[in-house]
Amino acid sequence: MKKLVLSITAVAVMGALLSTCTEATAQSAKPHKIGLVDMAFIFKNYKKFKAERETIENDLKMAAEGAKKQREDIEKLQETLKGLTPTSPEFSIQEKKVASAVASFQADASRIKRELVMKEAELYKRTYLEVTDIIGKYAQYQQYTLILRYSQETVKADDGPQEVMQKMSNQVVYRQPSDDITQAVLEFMNKEYEKTAGGAARPRQ
């Protein structure tokens, strides 16, 4: 009786091990599901990115207007300087004003340029992280195992040599329309951006 119990136990253990091995084999044999995404297209058409980029461009225009006003003020000071005698005290005072105005203009221009470059870099970084996060969630939801970057741009008859070479560097030579998740991700992100209230939505199937 004792041997029978041991035999039954051994059979049960072996059965469990075989079942586990079978499941592992089935999982490892599961085919990959590969998707493609055009990051450049998303950046160009993501409404939130475009709005924030427009804000930076407006800041640049305002800075340019301010710089124009500063240049005009410097030119006026220089014109006044031309009418003074070089050896007079007034000339020395005016010359210092011109030098101070020029130094201030150069410092402001350098600072504004640096700030705008940093703002733009931060915008690209923030948007990239946001896009890749959504792509990751979409991939998990749709059970993709790998998402690759590619460009939807194809070689056209009127493309110049440089454009042709650039497009030929695309590593994706052939794809099926269903492989491209660009539009699905973009539509989801734009809808989320346009929402005024409400809970989170899942990417469309």
Protein backbone atom coordinates (compact mmCIF):
# COMPACT_ATOMS: atom_id res chain seq x y z
CA MET A 1 0.00 0.00 0.00
CA LYS A 2 2.84 2.33 0.90
CA LYS A 3 4.54 1.62 -2.45
CA LEU A 4 1.27 2.34 -4.27
CA VAL A 5 0.93 5.75 -2.58
CA LEU A 6 4.53 6.59 -3.48
CA SER A 7 3.95 5.55 -7.08
CA ILE A 8 0.81 7.69 -7.35
CA THR A 9 2.68 10.66 -5.85
CA ALA A 10 5.55 10.20 -8.28
CA VAL A 11 3.14 10.07 -11.23
CA ALA A 12 1.42 13.26 -10.02
CA VAL A 13 4.74 15.09 -9.67
CA MET A 14 5.88 13.97 -13.11
CA GLY A 15 2.55 15.06 -14.57
CA ALA A 16 2.89 18.52 -13.04
CA LEU A 17 6.44 18.85 -14.35
CA LEU A 18 5.39 17.80 -17.85
CA SER A 19 2.50 20.27 -17.76
CA THR A 20 4.83 23.10 -16.72
CA CYS A 21 7.31 22.22 -19.45
CA THR A 22 4.52 22.09 -22.03
CA GLU A 23 3.25 25.53 -20.99
CA ALA A 24 6.77 26.99 -21.09
CA THR A 25 7.32 25.52 -24.55
CA ALA A 26 4.02 26.95 -25.75
CA GLN A 27 4.90 30.38 -24.39
CA SER A 28 8.37 30.33 -25.94
CA ALA A 29 6.84 29.29 -29.26
CA LYS A 30 4.46 32.26 -29.26
CA PRO A 31 5.28 34.36 -32.35
CA HIS A 32 6.54 37.92 -32.01
CA LYS A 33 4.16 40.74 -32.87
CA ILE A 34 6.14 43.62 -34.32
CA GLY A 35 4.81 47.14 -34.79
CA LEU A 36 6.17 50.24 -36.50
CA VAL A 37 5.88 53.89 -35.52
CA ASP A 38 6.85 57.10 -37.31
CA MET A 39 8.06 59.34 -34.47
CA ALA A 40 8.71 62.31 -36.76
CA PHE A 41 5.11 62.18 -38.03
CA ILE A 42 3.78 62.13 -34.47
CA PHE A 43 5.90 65.13 -33.48
CA LYS A 44 4.71 67.07 -36.54
CA ASN A 45 1.04 66.34 -35.89
CA TYR A 46 0.77 66.12 -32.09
CA LYS A 47 -1.39 69.11 -31.19
CA LYS A 48 0.10 69.60 -27.75
CA PHE A 49 3.64 69.69 -29.14
CA LYS A 50 2.60 72.09 -31.91
CA ALA A 51 0.92 74.43 -29.42
CA GLU A 52 3.93 74.51 -27.11
CA ARG A 53 6.27 74.96 -30.08
CA GLU A 54 4.16 77.90 -31.22
CA THR A 55 4.51 79.46 -27.76
CA ILE A 56 8.30 79.24 -28.05
CA GLU A 57 8.16 80.77 -31.54
CA ASN A 58 6.05 83.65 -30.19
CA ASP A 59 8.61 84.19 -27.44
CA LEU A 60 11.28 84.33 -30.14
CA LYS A 61 9.31 86.94 -32.09
CA MET A 62 8.88 89.06 -28.97
CA ALA A 63 12.60 88.77 -28.25
CA ALA A 64 13.36 89.83 -31.83
CA GLU A 65 11.13 92.90 -31.43
CA GLY A 66 12.91 93.79 -28.20
CA ALA A 67 16.30 93.37 -29.87
CA LYS A 68 15.19 95.61 -32.73
CA LYS A 69 14.21 98.34 -30.25
CA GLN A 70 17.59 98.01 -28.50
CA ARG A 71 19.43 98.32 -31.83
CA GLU A 72 17.47 101.44 -32.70
CA ASP A 73 18.35 102.99 -29.32
CA ILE A 74 22.04 102.18 -29.86
CA GLU A 75 21.94 103.77 -33.32
CA LYS A 76 20.45 106.94 -31.83
CA LEU A 77 23.20 107.08 -29.21
CA GLN A 78 25.82 106.59 -31.92
CA GLU A 79 24.31 109.38 -34.02
CA THR A 80 24.45 111.70 -31.01
CA LEU A 81 28.06 110.70 -30.45
CA LYS A 82 28.98 111.70 -34.03
CA GLY A 83 27.85 115.26 -33.36
CA LEU A 84 30.10 115.72 -30.34
CA THR A 85 33.72 116.82 -30.17
CA PRO A 86 35.93 113.80 -29.39
CA THR A 87 37.87 115.73 -26.76
CA SER A 88 34.81 117.05 -24.94
CA PRO A 89 33.50 115.67 -21.62
CA GLU A 90 30.11 115.12 -23.27
CA PHE A 91 31.71 112.83 -25.86
CA SER A 92 33.28 110.69 -23.13
CA ILE A 93 29.95 110.40 -21.31
CA GLN A 94 28.08 109.54 -24.52
CA GLU A 95 30.76 107.03 -25.53
CA LYS A 96 30.30 105.21 -22.22
CA LYS A 97 26.53 105.14 -22.79
CA VAL A 98 27.05 103.57 -26.23
CA ALA A 99 29.48 100.97 -24.87
CA SER A 100 27.11 100.13 -22.02
CA ALA A 101 24.14 99.82 -24.39
CA VAL A 102 26.08 97.56 -26.77
CA ALA A 103 27.27 95.33 -23.91
CA SER A 104 23.72 95.10 -22.54
CA PHE A 105 22.37 94.25 -26.00
CA GLN A 106 24.92 91.46 -26.51
CA ALA A 107 24.32 90.03 -23.03
CA ASP A 108 20.54 90.06 -23.50
CA ALA A 109 20.80 88.45 -26.95
CA SER A 110 23.05 85.68 -25.60
CA ARG A 111 20.77 85.04 -22.61
CA ILE A 112 17.57 84.98 -24.69
CA LYS A 113 19.10 82.62 -27.25
CA ARG A 114 20.29 80.28 -24.49
CA GLU A 115 16.87 80.29 -22.78
CA LEU A 116 15.00 79.58 -26.01
CA VAL A 117 17.35 76.73 -26.94
CA MET A 118 16.86 75.21 -23.49
CA LYS A 119 13.07 75.59 -23.73
CA GLU A 120 13.01 73.88 -27.12
CA ALA A 121 15.30 71.07 -25.95
CA GLU A 122 13.14 70.52 -22.87
CA LEU A 123 10.00 70.46 -25.04
CA TYR A 124 11.48 67.78 -27.32
CA LYS A 125 12.66 65.73 -24.34
CA ARG A 126 9.32 65.97 -22.52
CA THR A 127 7.33 65.12 -25.66
CA TYR A 128 9.61 62.19 -26.53
CA LEU A 129 9.16 60.68 -23.07
CA GLU A 130 5.40 61.21 -23.30
CA VAL A 131 5.17 59.60 -26.74
CA THR A 132 7.33 56.59 -25.82
CA ASP A 133 5.29 56.07 -22.65
CA ILE A 134 2.04 55.95 -24.65
CA ILE A 135 3.62 53.67 -27.25
CA GLY A 136 4.71 51.29 -24.49
CA LYS A 137 1.23 51.18 -22.98
CA TYR A 138 -0.38 50.71 -26.39
CA ALA A 139 2.05 47.92 -27.23
CA GLN A 140 1.24 46.09 -23.99
CA TYR A 141 -2.49 46.57 -24.53
CA GLN A 142 -2.29 45.22 -28.09
CA GLN A 143 0.27 42.54 -27.11
CA TYR A 144 3.08 43.78 -29.32
CA THR A 145 6.46 42.33 -28.41
CA LEU A 146 8.56 44.89 -30.31
CA ILE A 147 8.01 48.41 -31.68
CA LEU A 148 10.48 49.80 -34.22
CA ARG A 149 10.97 53.35 -35.44
CA TYR A 150 10.62 53.96 -39.16
CA SER A 151 9.62 56.68 -41.62
CA GLN A 152 6.42 56.68 -43.66
CA GLU A 153 8.17 58.78 -46.30
CA THR A 154 8.81 56.92 -49.55
CA VAL A 155 11.02 57.79 -52.52
CA LYS A 156 9.19 59.99 -55.04
CA ALA A 157 9.96 60.71 -58.68
CA ASP A 158 10.66 64.41 -58.03
CA ASP A 159 12.93 63.84 -55.01
CA GLY A 160 16.45 65.25 -55.19
CA PRO A 161 19.55 63.09 -54.65
CA GLN A 162 19.86 64.06 -50.98
CA GLU A 163 16.19 63.25 -50.28
CA VAL A 164 16.50 59.93 -52.09
CA MET A 165 19.59 58.92 -50.09
CA GLN A 166 17.91 59.95 -46.84
CA LYS A 167 14.77 57.92 -47.57
CA MET A 168 16.80 54.93 -48.76
CA SER A 169 18.40 54.76 -45.31
CA ASN A 170 15.03 53.68 -43.90
CA GLN A 171 15.62 50.17 -42.51
CA VAL A 172 12.04 49.05 -43.17
CA VAL A 173 11.80 47.86 -46.78
CA TYR A 174 8.40 46.17 -46.60
CA ARG A 175 5.51 46.37 -44.18
CA GLN A 176 1.82 45.64 -43.95
CA PRO A 177 -0.53 48.54 -43.13
CA SER A 178 -1.58 46.78 -39.93
CA ASP A 179 2.03 46.91 -38.67
CA ASP A 180 1.94 50.72 -38.44
CA ILE A 181 0.60 51.98 -35.10
CA THR A 182 1.46 55.64 -35.77
CA GLN A 183 -2.05 56.87 -36.47
CA ALA A 184 -3.61 54.99 -33.57
CA VAL A 185 -1.09 56.45 -31.11
CA LEU A 186 -1.40 59.96 -32.57
CA GLU A 187 -5.20 59.95 -32.47
CA PHE A 188 -5.18 58.78 -28.86
CA MET A 189 -2.70 61.46 -27.79
CA ASN A 190 -4.58 64.24 -29.57
CA LYS A 191 -7.87 63.15 -28.01
CA GLU A 192 -6.27 63.10 -24.57
CA TYR A 193 -4.87 66.59 -25.14
CA GLU A 194 -8.22 67.97 -26.30
CA LYS A 195 -10.08 66.66 -23.29
CA THR A 196 -11.29 69.34 -20.91
CA ALA A 197 -12.29 66.84 -18.20
CA GLY A 198 -12.87 63.15 -17.66
CA GLY A 199 -10.91 60.06 -16.87
CA ALA A 200 -8.18 58.40 -18.85
CA ALA A 201 -9.06 56.48 -21.99
CA ARG A 202 -7.36 53.49 -23.48
CA PRO A 203 -5.83 53.58 -26.98
CA ARG A 204 -8.26 52.45 -29.64
CA GLN A 205 -8.02 48.88 -30.87
